[in-house]
C-alpha atoms as a PDB file:
ATOM      1  CA  MET A   1     115.928 158.938 -98.836  1.00  0.00           C
ATOM      2  CA  LEU A   2     113.911 156.480-100.853  1.00  0.00           C
ATOM      3  CA  ALA A   3     110.526 155.096 -99.985  1.00  0.00           C
ATOM      4  CA  ALA A   4     109.726 151.507-100.891  1.00  0.00           C
ATOM      5  CA  ALA A   5     107.077 152.374-103.445  1.00  0.00           C
ATOM      6  CA  GLY A   6     105.592 155.424-105.038  1.00  0.00           C
ATOM      7  CA  ARG A   7     106.051 157.988-107.719  1.00  0.00           C
ATOM      8  CA  LYS A   8     109.565 159.258-108.408  1.00  0.00           C
ATOM      9  CA  THR A   9     109.823 162.993-107.888  1.00  0.00           C
ATOM     10  CA  GLY A  10     113.391 164.185-108.231  1.00  0.00           C
ATOM     11  CA  LEU A  11     115.508 162.159-105.856  1.00  0.00           C
ATOM     12  CA  ILE A  12     112.814 161.192-103.391  1.00  0.00           C
ATOM     13  CA  MET A  13     110.156 158.554-103.919  1.00  0.00           C
ATOM     14  CA  THR A  14     106.788 159.452-102.453  1.00  0.00           C
ATOM     15  CA  ASN A  15     103.789 157.300-101.691  1.00  0.00           C
ATOM     16  CA  THR A  16     101.249 159.733-103.081  1.00  0.00           C
ATOM     17  CA  ARG A  17      98.754 158.414-105.565  1.00  0.00           C
ATOM     18  CA  LYS A  18      96.525 160.523-107.727  1.00  0.00           C
ATOM     19  CA  ARG A  19      92.887 159.530-107.718  1.00  0.00           C
ATOM     20  CA  HIS A  20      91.095 160.464-110.898  1.00  0.00           C
ATOM     21  CA  THR A  21      87.401 161.227-111.068  1.00  0.00           C
ATOM     22  CA  PRO A  22      85.387 159.206-113.568  1.00  0.00           C
ATOM     23  CA  GLU A  23      85.078 162.310-115.753  1.00  0.00           C
ATOM     24  CA  GLN A  24      88.860 162.733-115.787  1.00  0.00           C
ATOM     25  CA  VAL A  25      89.336 159.073-116.701  1.00  0.00           C
ATOM     26  CA  VAL A  26      86.883 159.301-119.599  1.00  0.00           C
ATOM     27  CA  ARG A  27      88.581 162.487-120.806  1.00  0.00           C
ATOM     28  CA  LYS A  28      92.012 160.840-120.615  1.00  0.00           C
ATOM     29  CA  LEU A  29      90.744 157.779-122.476  1.00  0.00           C
ATOM     30  CA  GLY A  30      89.465 160.049-125.242  1.00  0.00           C
ATOM     31  CA  GLN A  31      92.860 161.726-125.395  1.00  0.00           C
ATOM     32  CA  ALA A  32      94.499 158.287-125.514  1.00  0.00           C
ATOM     33  CA  ASP A  33      92.245 157.233-128.404  1.00  0.00           C
ATOM     34  CA  ARG A  34      93.279 160.299-130.392  1.00  0.00           C
ATOM     35  CA  MET A  35      96.969 159.674-129.689  1.00  0.00           C
ATOM     36  CA  LEU A  36      96.692 155.996-130.634  1.00  0.00           C
ATOM     37  CA  ALA A  37      94.898 156.948-133.863  1.00  0.00           C
ATOM     38  CA  ASP A  38      97.810 159.283-134.665  1.00  0.00           C
ATOM     39  CA  GLY A  39     100.171 156.304-134.427  1.00  0.00           C
ATOM     40  CA  ALA A  40     101.519 156.524-130.881  1.00  0.00           C
ATOM     41  CA  ASP A  41     102.129 153.276-129.026  1.00  0.00           C
ATOM     42  CA  VAL A  42     100.446 152.442-125.714  1.00  0.00           C
ATOM     43  CA  ALA A  43     103.611 153.034-123.669  1.00  0.00           C
ATOM     44  CA  ALA A  44     103.989 156.579-125.050  1.00  0.00           C
ATOM     45  CA  VAL A  45     100.305 157.291-124.473  1.00  0.00           C
ATOM     46  CA  CYS A  46     100.567 156.114-120.866  1.00  0.00           C
ATOM     47  CA  ARG A  47     103.610 158.311-120.247  1.00  0.00           C
ATOM     48  CA  GLU A  48     101.726 161.297-121.645  1.00  0.00           C
ATOM     49  CA  LEU A  49      98.675 160.546-119.486  1.00  0.00           C
ATOM     50  CA  GLY A  50     100.791 160.019-116.371  1.00  0.00           C
ATOM     51  CA  ALA A  51      99.431 156.529-115.762  1.00  0.00           C
ATOM     52  CA  SER A  52     100.875 153.038-115.918  1.00  0.00           C
ATOM     53  CA  GLU A  53      99.889 150.636-118.675  1.00  0.00           C
ATOM     54  CA  GLN A  54      98.097 148.520-116.089  1.00  0.00           C
ATOM     55  CA  THR A  55      96.041 151.536-115.025  1.00  0.00           C
ATOM     56  CA  TYR A  56      95.324 152.411-118.656  1.00  0.00           C
ATOM     57  CA  TYR A  57      93.987 148.925-119.402  1.00  0.00           C
ATOM     58  CA  ARG A  58      91.941 148.881-116.181  1.00  0.00           C
ATOM     59  CA  TRP A  59      90.412 152.242-117.130  1.00  0.00           C
ATOM     60  CA  ARG A  60      89.756 150.968-120.653  1.00  0.00           C
ATOM     61  CA  ASN A  61      88.034 147.890-119.243  1.00  0.00           C
ATOM     62  CA  GLN A  62      85.994 149.825-116.686  1.00  0.00           C
ATOM     63  CA  TYR A  63      85.125 153.030-118.571  1.00  0.00           C
ATOM     64  CA  GLY A  64      85.712 152.015-122.213  1.00  0.00           C
ATOM     65  CA  GLY A  65      82.488 153.074-123.902  1.00  0.00           C
ATOM     66  CA  LEU A  66      81.195 155.555-121.361  1.00  0.00           C
ATOM     67  CA  LYS A  67      80.710 159.265-121.648  1.00  0.00           C
ATOM     68  CA  ALA A  68      81.642 161.514-118.726  1.00  0.00           C
ATOM     69  CA  ASP A  69      78.053 161.708-117.433  1.00  0.00           C
ATOM     70  CA  ASP A  70      77.671 157.934-117.615  1.00  0.00           C
ATOM     71  CA  ALA A  71      80.903 157.420-115.692  1.00  0.00           C
ATOM     72  CA  LYS A  72      79.801 159.824-112.979  1.00  0.00           C
ATOM     73  CA  ARG A  73      76.444 158.036-112.684  1.00  0.00           C
ATOM     74  CA  LEU A  74      78.229 154.660-112.506  1.00  0.00           C
ATOM     75  CA  LYS A  75      80.355 155.856-109.574  1.00  0.00           C
ATOM     76  CA  GLU A  76      77.271 157.210-107.790  1.00  0.00           C
ATOM     77  CA  LEU A  77      75.465 153.891-108.244  1.00  0.00           C
ATOM     78  CA  GLU A  78      78.488 151.927-107.019  1.00  0.00           C
ATOM     79  CA  LYS A  79      78.656 154.097-103.906  1.00  0.00           C
ATOM     80  CA  GLN A  80      74.919 153.703-103.277  1.00  0.00           C
ATOM     81  CA  ASN A  81      75.191 149.944-103.784  1.00  0.00           C
ATOM     82  CA  ALA A  82      78.026 149.702-101.241  1.00  0.00           C
ATOM     83  CA  THR A  83      75.933 151.639 -98.709  1.00  0.00           C
ATOM     84  CA  LEU A  84      72.938 149.365 -99.252  1.00  0.00           C
ATOM     85  CA  LYS A  85      75.097 146.241 -98.887  1.00  0.00           C
ATOM     86  CA  ARG A  86      76.495 147.556 -95.610  1.00  0.00           C
ATOM     87  CA  LEU A  87      72.988 148.335 -94.302  1.00  0.00           C
ATOM     88  CA  LEU A  88      71.773 144.872 -95.280  1.00  0.00           C
ATOM     89  CA  ALA A  89      74.727 143.229 -93.528  1.00  0.00           C
ATOM     90  CA  GLU A  90      74.038 145.233 -90.361  1.00  0.00           C
ATOM     91  CA  ALA A  91      70.339 144.294 -90.465  1.00  0.00           C
ATOM     92  CA  GLU A  92      71.176 140.602 -90.936  1.00  0.00           C
ATOM     93  CA  LEU A  93      73.622 140.725 -88.024  1.00  0.00           C
ATOM     94  CA  GLU A  94      71.029 142.392 -85.825  1.00  0.00           C
ATOM     95  CA  LYS A  95      68.415 139.812 -86.874  1.00  0.00           C
ATOM     96  CA  ALA A  96      70.771 136.934 -85.997  1.00  0.00           C
ATOM     97  CA  ALA A  97      71.535 138.482 -82.593  1.00  0.00           C
ATOM     98  CA  LEU A  98      67.825 138.894 -81.802  1.00  0.00           C
ATOM     99  CA  LYS A  99      67.130 135.319 -82.886  1.00  0.00           C
ATOM    100  CA  GLU A 100      69.894 134.073 -80.613  1.00  0.00           C
ATOM    101  CA  LEU A 101      68.500 136.092 -77.704  1.00  0.00           C
ATOM    102  CA  ALA A 102      64.998 134.792 -78.331  1.00  0.00           C
ATOM    103  CA  GLU A 103      66.253 131.201 -78.225  1.00  0.00           C
ATOM    104  CA  GLY A 104      68.078 131.854 -74.969  1.00  0.00           C
ATOM    105  CA  ASN A 105      71.529 130.859 -76.285  1.00  0.00           C
ATOM    106  CA  PHE A 106      73.507 133.703 -74.809  1.00  0.00           C
END
């Protein structure tokens, strides 16, 4: 039995993905920096971290110079921002509906 995509575990491919917390990502990037300084190549570092090269570079781009606390705060702010955007969209939709009702175009 093989699934179309996923992580290879023995003979069966699964679709499970590991989500890392921002603190874990920052810790893994620090570990990667140490390994790269010791002369390891990026492919070997990624194998050791259990992440693809694409994921490594995305993490590097997103969390490059952050400390664990900064990364956690960034995630909290992103979540709060998404909530505020959703609330604004709902308010704008409600406002448009009320305007349409007031004009009698229903």
